[in-house]
């Protein structure tokens, strides 16, 4: 599960009281129980691929992470684990890899 805590959002810009998540943010990964041949290979990082075009939504020049932003979870050995499942931490949920 990946959760966007205070480090995941841009402190000065908020939507409905929550910080806006940007590509520069740090996120906590938890709940990723990916296994290969019976051995645990949990997700440790996520690479976001925000829109880089002229029409991209940005905060202080940094791309905003939208619900349509592509991403991939990776293990510590940088093995792709699949796309993350994202939910708001403010609703008591987080993000996980499928």
N, C-alpha and C. Protein backbone atom coordinates (compact mmCIF):
# COMPACT_ATOMS: atom_id res chain seq x y z
N UNK A 1 0.83 -1.16 0.00
CA UNK A 1 0.00 0.00 0.00
C UNK A 1 0.88 1.23 0.00
N UNK A 2 0.54 2.17 -0.78
CA UNK A 2 1.31 3.40 -0.90
C UNK A 2 0.47 4.51 -0.32
N UNK A 3 1.01 5.25 0.61
CA UNK A 3 0.22 6.34 1.17
C UNK A 3 0.94 7.65 1.00
N UNK A 4 0.18 8.65 0.64
CA UNK A 4 0.74 9.98 0.45
C UNK A 4 0.55 10.76 1.73
N UNK A 5 1.59 10.81 2.52
CA UNK A 5 1.54 11.59 3.74
C UNK A 5 1.85 13.04 3.44
N UNK A 6 2.23 13.78 4.44
CA UNK A 6 2.52 15.20 4.23
C UNK A 6 3.66 15.41 3.24
N UNK A 7 4.58 14.45 3.14
CA UNK A 7 5.69 14.59 2.20
C UNK A 7 5.25 14.30 0.77
N UNK A 8 4.06 13.72 0.58
CA UNK A 8 3.60 13.37 -0.76
C UNK A 8 2.89 14.50 -1.47
N UNK A 9 2.51 15.51 -0.73
CA UNK A 9 1.77 16.60 -1.33
C UNK A 9 2.54 17.90 -1.31
N UNK A 10 2.06 18.83 -2.09
CA UNK A 10 2.66 20.15 -2.14
C UNK A 10 1.96 20.99 -1.09
N UNK A 11 2.66 21.35 -0.02
CA UNK A 11 2.07 21.98 1.15
C UNK A 11 1.23 23.22 0.91
N UNK A 12 1.58 24.06 -0.08
CA UNK A 12 0.87 25.30 -0.27
C UNK A 12 -0.40 25.19 -1.09
N UNK A 13 -0.56 24.13 -1.87
CA UNK A 13 -1.73 23.97 -2.73
C UNK A 13 -2.57 22.83 -2.19
N UNK A 14 -3.87 23.10 -1.99
CA UNK A 14 -4.77 22.08 -1.44
C UNK A 14 -6.05 21.98 -2.27
N UNK A 15 -6.59 20.79 -2.29
CA UNK A 15 -7.90 20.54 -2.90
C UNK A 15 -8.74 19.87 -1.84
N UNK A 16 -9.89 20.45 -1.53
CA UNK A 16 -10.75 19.96 -0.45
C UNK A 16 -9.98 19.77 0.85
N UNK A 17 -9.02 20.65 1.12
CA UNK A 17 -8.25 20.62 2.35
C UNK A 17 -7.04 19.69 2.35
N UNK A 18 -6.88 18.88 1.31
CA UNK A 18 -5.76 17.94 1.24
C UNK A 18 -4.66 18.49 0.34
N UNK A 19 -3.38 18.28 0.71
CA UNK A 19 -2.29 18.73 -0.15
C UNK A 19 -2.34 18.05 -1.51
N UNK A 20 -1.98 18.77 -2.56
CA UNK A 20 -1.95 18.23 -3.91
C UNK A 20 -0.68 17.38 -4.05
N UNK A 21 -0.83 16.14 -4.50
CA UNK A 21 0.31 15.25 -4.70
C UNK A 21 1.02 15.62 -6.00
N UNK A 22 2.34 15.72 -5.93
CA UNK A 22 3.13 16.04 -7.12
C UNK A 22 4.20 14.97 -7.34
N UNK A 23 4.81 14.99 -8.52
CA UNK A 23 5.84 14.02 -8.87
C UNK A 23 7.07 14.17 -7.97
N UNK A 24 7.22 15.29 -7.30
CA UNK A 24 8.37 15.50 -6.42
C UNK A 24 8.14 14.94 -5.02
N UNK A 25 6.93 14.49 -4.73
CA UNK A 25 6.59 14.02 -3.39
C UNK A 25 7.21 12.69 -3.03
N UNK A 26 7.33 12.43 -1.73
CA UNK A 26 7.78 11.15 -1.21
C UNK A 26 6.56 10.42 -0.67
N UNK A 27 6.49 9.13 -0.92
CA UNK A 27 5.33 8.34 -0.53
C UNK A 27 5.78 7.11 0.22
N UNK A 28 4.95 6.63 1.12
CA UNK A 28 5.22 5.43 1.87
C UNK A 28 4.53 4.26 1.17
N UNK A 29 5.28 3.18 0.96
CA UNK A 29 4.73 1.98 0.34
C UNK A 29 4.49 0.96 1.44
N UNK A 30 3.28 0.43 1.52
CA UNK A 30 2.98 -0.62 2.49
C UNK A 30 1.90 -1.53 1.92
N UNK A 31 1.81 -2.73 2.41
CA UNK A 31 0.76 -3.64 1.99
C UNK A 31 1.02 -4.34 0.67
N UNK A 32 2.20 -4.21 0.12
CA UNK A 32 2.53 -4.87 -1.14
C UNK A 32 3.18 -6.20 -0.79
N UNK A 33 2.44 -7.26 -0.91
CA UNK A 33 2.92 -8.58 -0.50
C UNK A 33 3.34 -9.43 -1.71
N UNK A 34 3.93 -8.81 -2.71
CA UNK A 34 4.32 -9.50 -3.93
C UNK A 34 5.33 -10.61 -3.61
N UNK A 35 5.13 -11.79 -4.22
CA UNK A 35 6.01 -12.93 -4.00
C UNK A 35 6.47 -13.51 -5.33
N UNK A 36 7.72 -13.95 -5.39
CA UNK A 36 8.28 -14.62 -6.56
C UNK A 36 8.87 -15.94 -6.07
N UNK A 37 8.40 -17.05 -6.61
CA UNK A 37 8.86 -18.38 -6.21
C UNK A 37 8.81 -18.57 -4.70
N UNK A 38 7.77 -18.07 -4.06
CA UNK A 38 7.58 -18.23 -2.63
C UNK A 38 8.37 -17.27 -1.75
N UNK A 39 9.19 -16.43 -2.36
CA UNK A 39 9.99 -15.46 -1.59
C UNK A 39 9.36 -14.08 -1.68
N UNK A 40 9.35 -13.37 -0.56
CA UNK A 40 8.78 -12.02 -0.52
C UNK A 40 9.64 -11.05 -1.32
N UNK A 41 9.00 -10.29 -2.19
CA UNK A 41 9.64 -9.22 -2.97
C UNK A 41 8.70 -8.01 -2.93
N UNK A 42 8.52 -7.42 -1.74
CA UNK A 42 7.54 -6.34 -1.63
C UNK A 42 7.94 -5.08 -2.40
N UNK A 43 6.95 -4.31 -2.74
CA UNK A 43 7.19 -3.02 -3.40
C UNK A 43 7.88 -2.09 -2.43
N UNK A 44 8.87 -1.37 -2.92
CA UNK A 44 9.56 -0.39 -2.08
C UNK A 44 9.53 1.00 -2.69
N UNK A 45 9.16 1.08 -3.98
CA UNK A 45 9.11 2.40 -4.61
C UNK A 45 8.09 2.40 -5.74
N UNK A 46 7.73 3.59 -6.14
CA UNK A 46 6.79 3.78 -7.25
C UNK A 46 7.38 4.83 -8.18
N UNK A 47 7.36 4.55 -9.46
CA UNK A 47 7.77 5.54 -10.46
C UNK A 47 6.52 6.05 -11.14
N UNK A 48 6.31 7.34 -11.01
CA UNK A 48 5.16 8.00 -11.63
C UNK A 48 5.60 8.54 -12.99
N UNK A 49 4.71 8.52 -13.95
CA UNK A 49 4.99 9.05 -15.28
C UNK A 49 3.95 10.13 -15.58
N UNK A 50 4.09 11.31 -14.96
CA UNK A 50 3.11 12.37 -15.19
C UNK A 50 3.21 12.92 -16.60
N UNK A 51 2.12 13.50 -17.05
CA UNK A 51 2.09 14.14 -18.36
C UNK A 51 3.12 15.25 -18.39
N UNK A 52 3.98 15.25 -19.39
CA UNK A 52 5.04 16.26 -19.49
C UNK A 52 4.74 17.30 -20.56
N UNK A 53 3.59 17.23 -21.19
CA UNK A 53 3.26 18.16 -22.27
C UNK A 53 2.96 19.56 -21.77
N UNK A 54 2.74 20.44 -22.73
CA UNK A 54 2.44 21.84 -22.41
C UNK A 54 1.14 21.99 -21.63
N UNK A 55 0.22 21.03 -21.77
CA UNK A 55 -1.07 21.12 -21.11
C UNK A 55 -1.09 20.42 -19.74
N UNK A 56 0.08 19.94 -19.27
CA UNK A 56 0.16 19.24 -17.99
C UNK A 56 -0.16 20.19 -16.84
N UNK A 57 -0.83 19.64 -15.83
CA UNK A 57 -1.14 20.41 -14.62
C UNK A 57 0.12 20.41 -13.77
N UNK A 58 0.54 21.61 -13.33
CA UNK A 58 1.77 21.75 -12.55
C UNK A 58 1.55 22.66 -11.35
N UNK A 59 2.34 22.43 -10.32
CA UNK A 59 2.40 23.31 -9.15
C UNK A 59 3.86 23.71 -9.01
N UNK A 60 4.15 24.99 -9.10
CA UNK A 60 5.54 25.49 -9.05
C UNK A 60 6.42 24.75 -10.05
N UNK A 61 5.89 24.44 -11.22
CA UNK A 61 6.64 23.78 -12.28
C UNK A 61 6.75 22.27 -12.16
N UNK A 62 6.21 21.69 -11.09
CA UNK A 62 6.29 20.24 -10.86
C UNK A 62 4.96 19.60 -11.26
N UNK A 63 4.99 18.52 -12.06
CA UNK A 63 3.75 17.88 -12.49
C UNK A 63 2.92 17.36 -11.31
N UNK A 64 1.62 17.57 -11.39
CA UNK A 64 0.67 17.09 -10.39
C UNK A 64 0.31 15.65 -10.73
N UNK A 65 0.17 14.79 -9.70
CA UNK A 65 -0.24 13.41 -9.92
C UNK A 65 -1.76 13.36 -9.93
N UNK A 66 -2.30 12.98 -11.07
CA UNK A 66 -3.75 12.89 -11.25
C UNK A 66 -4.19 11.43 -11.19
N UNK A 67 -5.50 11.20 -11.15
CA UNK A 67 -5.98 9.82 -11.14
C UNK A 67 -5.69 9.11 -12.46
N UNK A 68 -5.30 9.85 -13.48
CA UNK A 68 -4.96 9.26 -14.77
C UNK A 68 -3.44 9.13 -14.97
N UNK A 69 -2.64 9.52 -13.97
CA UNK A 69 -1.19 9.46 -14.08
C UNK A 69 -0.72 8.00 -14.05
N UNK A 70 0.08 7.61 -15.04
CA UNK A 70 0.61 6.26 -15.10
C UNK A 70 1.70 6.08 -14.03
N UNK A 71 1.80 4.85 -13.49
CA UNK A 71 2.81 4.55 -12.48
C UNK A 71 3.10 3.06 -12.48
N UNK A 72 4.24 2.70 -11.90
CA UNK A 72 4.63 1.31 -11.75
C UNK A 72 5.32 1.14 -10.41
N UNK A 73 4.94 0.09 -9.66
CA UNK A 73 5.59 -0.24 -8.39
C UNK A 73 6.80 -1.12 -8.68
N UNK A 74 7.86 -0.97 -7.85
CA UNK A 74 9.08 -1.74 -8.02
C UNK A 74 9.53 -2.32 -6.68
N UNK A 75 10.19 -3.48 -6.75
CA UNK A 75 10.80 -4.07 -5.56
C UNK A 75 12.13 -3.37 -5.29
N UNK A 76 12.78 -3.76 -4.20
CA UNK A 76 14.09 -3.18 -3.88
C UNK A 76 15.10 -3.49 -4.98
N UNK A 77 14.93 -4.62 -5.69
CA UNK A 77 15.81 -4.98 -6.79
C UNK A 77 15.38 -4.39 -8.12
N UNK A 78 14.44 -3.43 -8.07
CA UNK A 78 13.89 -2.73 -9.24
C UNK A 78 13.15 -3.65 -10.21
N UNK A 79 12.56 -4.73 -9.67
CA UNK A 79 11.71 -5.62 -10.46
C UNK A 79 10.31 -5.01 -10.48
N UNK A 80 9.73 -4.80 -11.67
CA UNK A 80 8.37 -4.23 -11.74
C UNK A 80 7.36 -5.14 -11.04
N UNK A 81 6.50 -4.55 -10.22
CA UNK A 81 5.50 -5.30 -9.46
C UNK A 81 4.08 -5.04 -9.95
N UNK A 82 3.90 -4.10 -10.85
CA UNK A 82 2.57 -3.77 -11.33
C UNK A 82 2.18 -2.36 -10.96
N UNK A 83 1.05 -1.92 -11.48
CA UNK A 83 0.60 -0.55 -11.19
C UNK A 83 0.07 -0.43 -9.76
N UNK A 84 0.25 0.74 -9.16
CA UNK A 84 -0.29 0.94 -7.81
C UNK A 84 -1.79 1.16 -7.84
N UNK A 85 -2.42 0.89 -6.73
CA UNK A 85 -3.82 1.23 -6.51
C UNK A 85 -3.80 2.39 -5.52
N UNK A 86 -4.33 3.52 -5.92
CA UNK A 86 -4.21 4.74 -5.13
C UNK A 86 -5.55 5.11 -4.51
N UNK A 87 -5.51 5.47 -3.23
CA UNK A 87 -6.68 5.98 -2.52
C UNK A 87 -6.20 7.03 -1.54
N UNK A 88 -7.06 7.91 -1.17
CA UNK A 88 -6.69 9.01 -0.27
C UNK A 88 -6.41 8.51 1.13
N UNK A 89 -5.31 8.97 1.70
CA UNK A 89 -4.96 8.65 3.08
C UNK A 89 -5.97 9.30 4.02
N UNK A 90 -6.50 10.43 3.61
CA UNK A 90 -7.44 11.16 4.46
C UNK A 90 -8.74 10.41 4.64
N UNK A 91 -8.97 9.37 3.85
CA UNK A 91 -10.17 8.56 3.98
C UNK A 91 -9.84 7.24 4.68
N UNK A 92 -8.64 7.17 5.28
CA UNK A 92 -8.24 5.97 6.00
C UNK A 92 -7.77 4.86 5.08
N UNK A 93 -7.40 5.19 3.86
CA UNK A 93 -6.95 4.19 2.90
C UNK A 93 -5.56 4.57 2.41
N UNK A 94 -5.03 3.83 1.47
CA UNK A 94 -3.70 4.12 0.94
C UNK A 94 -3.62 3.65 -0.49
N UNK A 95 -2.45 3.15 -0.88
CA UNK A 95 -2.20 2.71 -2.25
C UNK A 95 -1.55 1.35 -2.18
N UNK A 96 -1.90 0.45 -3.06
CA UNK A 96 -1.27 -0.86 -3.09
C UNK A 96 -1.04 -1.29 -4.53
N UNK A 97 -0.17 -2.27 -4.71
CA UNK A 97 0.07 -2.84 -6.04
C UNK A 97 -0.84 -4.03 -6.20
N UNK A 98 -1.33 -4.25 -7.39
CA UNK A 98 -2.22 -5.39 -7.65
C UNK A 98 -1.44 -6.65 -7.80
